Structure formats: structure tokens, C-alpha cells
Amino acid sequence: MTKSSAPKRYLPTSPFKAPVAPPPRQFAVGDQVTHDVYGLGRVIGIEGGIAALVDFGSTRERILSPYAKMSKL
């Protein structure tokens, strides 16, 4: 038996409420963040909501939205 990774679709005739999508994450310059690959860092630039430039100490990386592997501390 296998599990489906695709989300179940909402039917308009369903008696249950439609699932609410989480709002996109917003980062500001100076926010301390953690990344699954790069570790701890600080946001040093924002590129119009498309990407964030993050200083991880040993490297600077441009992380693209939707920031799946990055979270604010």
C-alpha cells in the first residue's frame, strides 16, 4: 500500500470548509533565520518578495521564495 503525497482536492459540494492556504512567509532585513541546509543566518537583503539574501557566516546565499527550507527565529 502506498501513500499519495498529493493534497486532496476540495469539492464545492462538500459540507466541510475549504482548506485555508497558509500566508506566504515574509522576512525583513535583520531577521534571524534558520535554514535546513545552511544553518543559522541573518537576512541582509530582500529582492521584491522574490528572494532573500542571507548571511550564514561562512557564505551568503540567495534564497528564493516560497522559502520552504527557511524559517524565522
PDB file of N, CA and C in Angstrom:
ATOM      1  N   MET A   1       0.832  -1.159   0.000  1.00  0.00           N
ATOM      2  CA  MET A   1       0.000   0.000   0.000  1.00  0.00           C
ATOM      3  C   MET A   1       0.894   1.245   0.000  1.00  0.00           C
ATOM      4  N   THR A   2       0.580   2.209  -0.854  1.00  0.00           N
ATOM      5  CA  THR A   2       1.379   3.434  -0.943  1.00  0.00           C
ATOM      6  C   THR A   2       0.546   4.628  -0.505  1.00  0.00           C
ATOM      7  N   LYS A   3       1.233   5.644  -0.012  1.00  0.00           N
ATOM      8  CA  LYS A   3       0.566   6.880   0.379  1.00  0.00           C
ATOM      9  C   LYS A   3       0.680   7.890  -0.744  1.00  0.00           C
ATOM     10  N   SER A   4      -0.387   8.594  -0.988  1.00  0.00           N
ATOM     11  CA  SER A   4      -0.375   9.642  -2.000  1.00  0.00           C
ATOM     12  C   SER A   4       0.134  10.931  -1.373  1.00  0.00           C
ATOM     13  N   SER A   5       1.095  11.575  -2.018  1.00  0.00           N
ATOM     14  CA  SER A   5       1.641  12.819  -1.474  1.00  0.00           C
ATOM     15  C   SER A   5       0.871  14.042  -1.971  1.00  0.00           C
ATOM     16  N   ALA A   6       0.002  13.863  -2.956  1.00  0.00           N
ATOM     17  CA  ALA A   6      -0.770  14.983  -3.483  1.00  0.00           C
ATOM     18  C   ALA A   6      -1.898  15.335  -2.517  1.00  0.00           C
ATOM     19  N   PRO A   7      -2.146  16.625  -2.309  1.00  0.00           N
ATOM     20  CA  PRO A   7      -3.241  17.005  -1.412  1.00  0.00           C
ATOM     21  C   PRO A   7      -4.586  16.661  -2.036  1.00  0.00           C
ATOM     22  N   LYS A   8      -5.538  16.348  -1.175  1.00  0.00           N
ATOM     23  CA  LYS A   8      -6.874  16.032  -1.674  1.00  0.00           C
ATOM     24  C   LYS A   8      -7.529  17.315  -2.156  1.00  0.00           C
ATOM     25  N   ARG A   9      -8.227  17.218  -3.248  1.00  0.00           N
ATOM     26  CA  ARG A   9      -8.863  18.424  -3.775  1.00  0.00           C
ATOM     27  C   ARG A   9     -10.185  18.666  -3.063  1.00  0.00           C
ATOM     28  N   TYR A  10     -10.587  19.911  -3.019  1.00  0.00           N
ATOM     29  CA  TYR A  10     -11.812  20.325  -2.359  1.00  0.00           C
ATOM     30  C   TYR A  10     -12.947  20.306  -3.367  1.00  0.00           C
ATOM     31  N   LEU A  11     -14.049  19.685  -2.986  1.00  0.00           N
ATOM     32  CA  LEU A  11     -15.220  19.665  -3.847  1.00  0.00           C
ATOM     33  C   LEU A  11     -16.181  20.767  -3.408  1.00  0.00           C
ATOM     34  N   PRO A  12     -16.703  21.547  -4.337  1.00  0.00           N
ATOM     35  CA  PRO A  12     -17.599  22.653  -3.975  1.00  0.00           C
ATOM     36  C   PRO A  12     -18.870  22.188  -3.255  1.00  0.00           C
ATOM     37  N   THR A  13     -19.272  20.958  -3.461  1.00  0.00           N
ATOM     38  CA  THR A  13     -20.489  20.448  -2.826  1.00  0.00           C
ATOM     39  C   THR A  13     -20.226  19.831  -1.454  1.00  0.00           C
ATOM     40  N   SER A  14     -19.002  19.878  -1.001  1.00  0.00           N
ATOM     41  CA  SER A  14     -18.644  19.298   0.284  1.00  0.00           C
ATOM     42  C   SER A  14     -19.249  20.104   1.432  1.00  0.00           C
ATOM     43  N   PRO A  15     -19.724  19.418   2.491  1.00  0.00           N
ATOM     44  CA  PRO A  15     -20.263  20.135   3.651  1.00  0.00           C
ATOM     45  C   PRO A  15     -19.161  20.706   4.551  1.00  0.00           C
ATOM     46  N   PHE A  16     -17.915  20.361   4.280  1.00  0.00           N
ATOM     47  CA  PHE A  16     -16.797  20.829   5.093  1.00  0.00           C
ATOM     48  C   PHE A  16     -16.204  22.097   4.493  1.00  0.00           C
ATOM     49  N   LYS A  17     -15.559  22.895   5.342  1.00  0.00           N
ATOM     50  CA  LYS A  17     -14.930  24.127   4.876  1.00  0.00           C
ATOM     51  C   LYS A  17     -13.713  23.813   4.014  1.00  0.00           C
ATOM     52  N   ALA A  18     -13.464  24.693   3.070  1.00  0.00           N
ATOM     53  CA  ALA A  18     -12.291  24.540   2.205  1.00  0.00           C
ATOM     54  C   ALA A  18     -11.030  24.750   3.030  1.00  0.00           C
ATOM     55  N   PRO A  19      -9.961  23.986   2.749  1.00  0.00           N
ATOM     56  CA  PRO A  19      -8.714  24.197   3.480  1.00  0.00           C
ATOM     57  C   PRO A  19      -8.138  25.577   3.169  1.00  0.00           C
ATOM     58  N   VAL A  20      -7.589  26.208   4.179  1.00  0.00           N
ATOM     59  CA  VAL A  20      -7.035  27.544   4.027  1.00  0.00           C
ATOM     60  C   VAL A  20      -5.535  27.420   3.805  1.00  0.00           C
ATOM     61  N   ALA A  21      -5.063  28.047   2.741  1.00  0.00           N
ATOM     62  CA  ALA A  21      -3.625  28.022   2.445  1.00  0.00           C
ATOM     63  C   ALA A  21      -2.914  28.981   3.398  1.00  0.00           C
ATOM     64  N   PRO A  22      -1.772  28.569   3.952  1.00  0.00           N
ATOM     65  CA  PRO A  22      -1.051  29.477   4.848  1.00  0.00           C
ATOM     66  C   PRO A  22      -0.527  30.680   4.076  1.00  0.00           C
ATOM     67  N   PRO A  23      -0.501  31.852   4.722  1.00  0.00           N
ATOM     68  CA  PRO A  23       0.007  33.036   4.021  1.00  0.00           C
ATOM     69  C   PRO A  23       1.487  32.875   3.717  1.00  0.00           C
ATOM     70  N   PRO A  24       1.964  33.496   2.641  1.00  0.00           N
ATOM     71  CA  PRO A  24       3.390  33.393   2.321  1.00  0.00           C
ATOM     72  C   PRO A  24       4.227  34.015   3.430  1.00  0.00           C
ATOM     73  N   ARG A  25       5.385  33.440   3.680  1.00  0.00           N
ATOM     74  CA  ARG A  25       6.260  33.943   4.735  1.00  0.00           C
ATOM     75  C   ARG A  25       6.895  35.258   4.305  1.00  0.00           C
ATOM     76  N   GLN A  26       6.964  36.167   5.246  1.00  0.00           N
ATOM     77  CA  GLN A  26       7.575  37.467   4.997  1.00  0.00           C
ATOM     78  C   GLN A  26       8.816  37.606   5.870  1.00  0.00           C
ATOM     79  N   PHE A  27       9.899  38.006   5.286  1.00  0.00           N
ATOM     80  CA  PHE A  27      11.133  38.237   6.013  1.00  0.00           C
ATOM     81  C   PHE A  27      11.542  39.691   5.836  1.00  0.00           C
ATOM     82  N   ALA A  28      12.187  40.238   6.849  1.00  0.00           N
ATOM     83  CA  ALA A  28      12.665  41.616   6.798  1.00  0.00           C
ATOM     84  C   ALA A  28      14.169  41.619   7.038  1.00  0.00           C
ATOM     85  N   VAL A  29      14.808  42.686   6.594  1.00  0.00           N
ATOM     86  CA  VAL A  29      16.249  42.829   6.805  1.00  0.00           C
ATOM     87  C   VAL A  29      16.513  42.828   8.312  1.00  0.00           C
ATOM     88  N   GLY A  30      17.466  42.014   8.734  1.00  0.00           N
ATOM     89  CA  GLY A  30      17.816  41.914  10.142  1.00  0.00           C
ATOM     90  C   GLY A  30      17.199  40.726  10.844  1.00  0.00           C
ATOM     91  N   ASP A  31      16.233  40.045  10.215  1.00  0.00           N
ATOM     92  CA  ASP A  31      15.624  38.865  10.831  1.00  0.00           C
ATOM     93  C   ASP A  31      16.643  37.743  10.950  1.00  0.00           C
ATOM     94  N   GLN A  32      16.634  37.063  12.082  1.00  0.00           N
ATOM     95  CA  GLN A  32      17.489  35.890  12.256  1.00  0.00           C
ATOM     96  C   GLN A  32      16.683  34.687  11.795  1.00  0.00           C
ATOM     97  N   VAL A  33      17.302  33.843  10.962  1.00  0.00           N
ATOM     98  CA  VAL A  33      16.614  32.712  10.361  1.00  0.00           C
ATOM     99  C   VAL A  33      17.441  31.445  10.510  1.00  0.00           C
ATOM    100  N   THR A  34      16.770  30.325  10.284  1.00  0.00           N
ATOM    101  CA  THR A  34      17.462  29.058  10.215  1.00  0.00           C
ATOM    102  C   THR A  34      17.066  28.377   8.910  1.00  0.00           C
ATOM    103  N   HIS A  35      18.016  27.709   8.298  1.00  0.00           N
ATOM    104  CA  HIS A  35      17.811  27.022   7.024  1.00  0.00           C
ATOM    105  C   HIS A  35      18.201  25.569   7.196  1.00  0.00           C
ATOM    106  N   ASP A  36      17.456  24.657   6.596  1.00  0.00           N
ATOM    107  CA  ASP A  36      17.707  23.222   6.740  1.00  0.00           C
ATOM    108  C   ASP A  36      19.082  22.817   6.238  1.00  0.00           C
ATOM    109  N   VAL A  37      19.621  23.501   5.242  1.00  0.00           N
ATOM    110  CA  VAL A  37      20.910  23.137   4.658  1.00  0.00           C
ATOM    111  C   VAL A  37      22.043  24.000   5.214  1.00  0.00           C
ATOM    112  N   TYR A  38      21.822  25.329   5.279  1.00  0.00           N
ATOM    113  CA  TYR A  38      22.896  26.259   5.621  1.00  0.00           C
ATOM    114  C   TYR A  38      23.001  26.579   7.110  1.00  0.00           C
ATOM    115  N   GLY A  39      21.975  26.332   7.897  1.00  0.00           N
ATOM    116  CA  GLY A  39      22.011  26.590   9.335  1.00  0.00           C
ATOM    117  C   GLY A  39      21.519  27.978   9.693  1.00  0.00           C
ATOM    118  N   LEU A  40      22.114  28.567  10.749  1.00  0.00           N
ATOM    119  CA  LEU A  40      21.704  29.877  11.244  1.00  0.00           C
ATOM    120  C   LEU A  40      22.237  30.994  10.370  1.00  0.00           C
ATOM    121  N   GLY A  41      21.414  32.028  10.193  1.00  0.00           N
ATOM    122  CA  GLY A  41      21.839  33.161   9.395  1.00  0.00           C
ATOM    123  C   GLY A  41      21.017  34.386   9.701  1.00  0.00           C
ATOM    124  N   ARG A  42      21.382  35.502   9.041  1.00  0.00           N
ATOM    125  CA  ARG A  42      20.663  36.757   9.212  1.00  0.00           C
ATOM    126  C   ARG A  42      20.355  37.324   7.832  1.00  0.00           C
ATOM    127  N   VAL A  43      19.113  37.783   7.653  1.00  0.00           N
ATOM    128  CA  VAL A  43      18.686  38.373   6.379  1.00  0.00           C
ATOM    129  C   VAL A  43      19.375  39.721   6.218  1.00  0.00           C
ATOM    130  N   ILE A  44      20.073  39.891   5.086  1.00  0.00           N
ATOM    131  CA  ILE A  44      20.773  41.151   4.825  1.00  0.00           C
ATOM    132  C   ILE A  44      20.196  41.903   3.632  1.00  0.00           C
ATOM    133  N   GLY A  45      19.224  41.284   2.940  1.00  0.00           N
ATOM    134  CA  GLY A  45      18.597  41.957   1.812  1.00  0.00           C
ATOM    135  C   GLY A  45      17.349  41.231   1.348  1.00  0.00           C
ATOM    136  N   ILE A  46      16.393  41.993   0.822  1.00  0.00           N
ATOM    137  CA  ILE A  46      15.156  41.445   0.259  1.00  0.00           C
ATOM    138  C   ILE A  46      15.056  41.934  -1.172  1.00  0.00           C
ATOM    139  N   GLU A  47      14.732  41.029  -2.083  1.00  0.00           N
ATOM    140  CA  GLU A  47      14.619  41.371  -3.501  1.00  0.00           C
ATOM    141  C   GLU A  47      13.159  41.300  -3.937  1.00  0.00           C
ATOM    142  N   GLY A  48      12.377  42.302  -3.557  1.00  0.00           N
ATOM    143  CA  GLY A  48      10.997  42.430  -4.011  1.00  0.00           C
ATOM    144  C   GLY A  48      10.091  41.265  -3.658  1.00  0.00           C
ATOM    145  N   GLY A  49      10.326  40.578  -2.579  1.00  0.00           N
ATOM    146  CA  GLY A  49       9.489  39.450  -2.189  1.00  0.00           C
ATOM    147  C   GLY A  49       9.762  38.184  -2.972  1.00  0.00           C
ATOM    148  N   ILE A  50      10.712  38.234  -3.900  1.00  0.00           N
ATOM    149  CA  ILE A  50      11.042  37.069  -4.721  1.00  0.00           C
ATOM    150  C   ILE A  50      12.146  36.253  -4.077  1.00  0.00           C
ATOM    151  N   ALA A  51      13.081  36.936  -3.439  1.00  0.00           N
ATOM    152  CA  ALA A  51      14.226  36.253  -2.852  1.00  0.00           C
ATOM    153  C   ALA A  51      14.731  37.033  -1.642  1.00  0.00           C
ATOM    154  N   ALA A  52      15.465  36.320  -0.797  1.00  0.00           N
ATOM    155  CA  ALA A  52      16.095  36.947   0.361  1.00  0.00           C
ATOM    156  C   ALA A  52      17.578  36.631   0.313  1.00  0.00           C
ATOM    157  N   LEU A  53      18.407  37.628   0.549  1.00  0.00           N
ATOM    158  CA  LEU A  53      19.848  37.435   0.623  1.00  0.00           C
ATOM    159  C   LEU A  53      20.182  37.227   2.094  1.00  0.00           C
ATOM    160  N   VAL A  54      20.774  36.068   2.413  1.00  0.00           N
ATOM    161  CA  VAL A  54      21.013  35.690   3.802  1.00  0.00           C
ATOM    162  C   VAL A  54      22.498  35.443   4.016  1.00  0.00           C
ATOM    163  N   ASP A  55      23.016  36.015   5.111  1.00  0.00           N
ATOM    164  CA  ASP A  55      24.410  35.818   5.502  1.00  0.00           C
ATOM    165  C   ASP A  55      24.445  34.699   6.536  1.00  0.00           C
ATOM    166  N   PHE A  56      25.074  33.579   6.178  1.00  0.00           N
ATOM    167  CA  PHE A  56      25.174  32.425   7.062  1.00  0.00           C
ATOM    168  C   PHE A  56      26.542  32.352   7.739  1.00  0.00           C
ATOM    169  N   GLY A  57      27.283  33.441   7.753  1.00  0.00           N
ATOM    170  CA  GLY A  57      28.593  33.473   8.381  1.00  0.00           C
ATOM    171  C   GLY A  57      29.684  33.120   7.391  1.00  0.00           C
ATOM    172  N   SER A  58      29.752  31.880   6.989  1.00  0.00           N
ATOM    173  CA  SER A  58      30.788  31.449   6.062  1.00  0.00           C
ATOM    174  C   SER A  58      30.397  31.679   4.601  1.00  0.00           C
ATOM    175  N   THR A  59      29.120  31.887   4.346  1.00  0.00           N
ATOM    176  CA  THR A  59      28.649  32.071   2.976  1.00  0.00           C
ATOM    177  C   THR A  59      27.424  32.979   2.958  1.00  0.00           C
ATOM    178  N   ARG A  60      27.199  33.612   1.824  1.00  0.00           N
ATOM    179  CA  ARG A  60      25.986  34.383   1.596  1.00  0.00           C
ATOM    180  C   ARG A  60      25.215  33.682   0.501  1.00  0.00           C
ATOM    181  N   GLU A  61      23.924  33.452   0.752  1.00  0.00           N
ATOM    182  CA  GLU A  61      23.090  32.734  -0.208  1.00  0.00           C
ATOM    183  C   GLU A  61      21.848  33.538  -0.539  1.00  0.00           C
ATOM    184  N   ARG A  62      21.402  33.396  -1.767  1.00  0.00           N
ATOM    185  CA  ARG A  62      20.152  33.998  -2.229  1.00  0.00           C
ATOM    186  C   ARG A  62      19.103  32.895  -2.175  1.00  0.00           C
ATOM    187  N   ILE A  63      18.163  33.018  -1.238  1.00  0.00           N
ATOM    188  CA  ILE A  63      17.128  32.007  -1.040  1.00  0.00           C
ATOM    189  C   ILE A  63      15.857  32.484  -1.734  1.00  0.00           C
ATOM    190  N   LEU A  64      15.340  31.675  -2.654  1.00  0.00           N
ATOM    191  CA  LEU A  64      14.152  32.043  -3.423  1.00  0.00           C
ATOM    192  C   LEU A  64      12.868  31.733  -2.661  1.00  0.00           C
ATOM    193  N   SER A  65      11.836  32.546  -2.922  1.00  0.00           N
ATOM    194  CA  SER A  65      10.520  32.310  -2.359  1.00  0.00           C
ATOM    195  C   SER A  65       9.966  31.022  -2.958  1.00  0.00           C
ATOM    196  N   PRO A  66       9.284  30.188  -2.282  1.00  0.00           N
ATOM    197  CA  PRO A  66       8.487  30.313  -1.060  1.00  0.00           C
ATOM    198  C   PRO A  66       9.227  29.949   0.216  1.00  0.00           C
ATOM    199  N   TYR A  67      10.516  29.968   0.240  1.00  0.00           N
ATOM    200  CA  TYR A  67      11.319  29.766   1.440  1.00  0.00           C
ATOM    201  C   TYR A  67      10.948  28.475   2.165  1.00  0.00           C
ATOM    202  N   ALA A  68      10.830  27.380   1.435  1.00  0.00           N
ATOM    203  CA  ALA A  68      10.377  26.112   2.004  1.00  0.00           C
ATOM    204  C   ALA A  68      11.269  25.593   3.119  1.00  0.00           C
ATOM    205  N   LYS A  69      12.572  25.791   3.007  1.00  0.00           N
ATOM    206  CA  LYS A  69      13.503  25.234   3.987  1.00  0.00           C
ATOM    207  C   LYS A  69      13.995  26.269   4.996  1.00  0.00           C
ATOM    208  N   MET A  70      13.406  27.470   4.980  1.00  0.00           N
ATOM    209  CA  MET A  70      13.872  28.539   5.852  1.00  0.00           C
ATOM    210  C   MET A  70      12.744  29.004   6.761  1.00  0.00           C
ATOM    211  N   SER A  71      13.073  29.240   8.036  1.00  0.00           N
ATOM    212  CA  SER A  71      12.077  29.737   8.970  1.00  0.00           C
ATOM    213  C   SER A  71      12.695  30.812   9.859  1.00  0.00           C
ATOM    214  N   LYS A  72      11.831  31.723  10.323  1.00  0.00           N
ATOM    215  CA  LYS A  72      12.249  32.838  11.175  1.00  0.00           C
ATOM    216  C   LYS A  72      12.378  32.356  12.606  1.00  0.00           C
ATOM    217  N   LEU A  73      13.404  32.851  13.304  1.00  0.00           N
ATOM    218  CA  LEU A  73      13.590  32.509  14.712  1.00  0.00           C
ATOM    219  C   LEU A  73      13.005  33.583  15.598  1.00  0.00           C
TER     220      LEU A  73
END
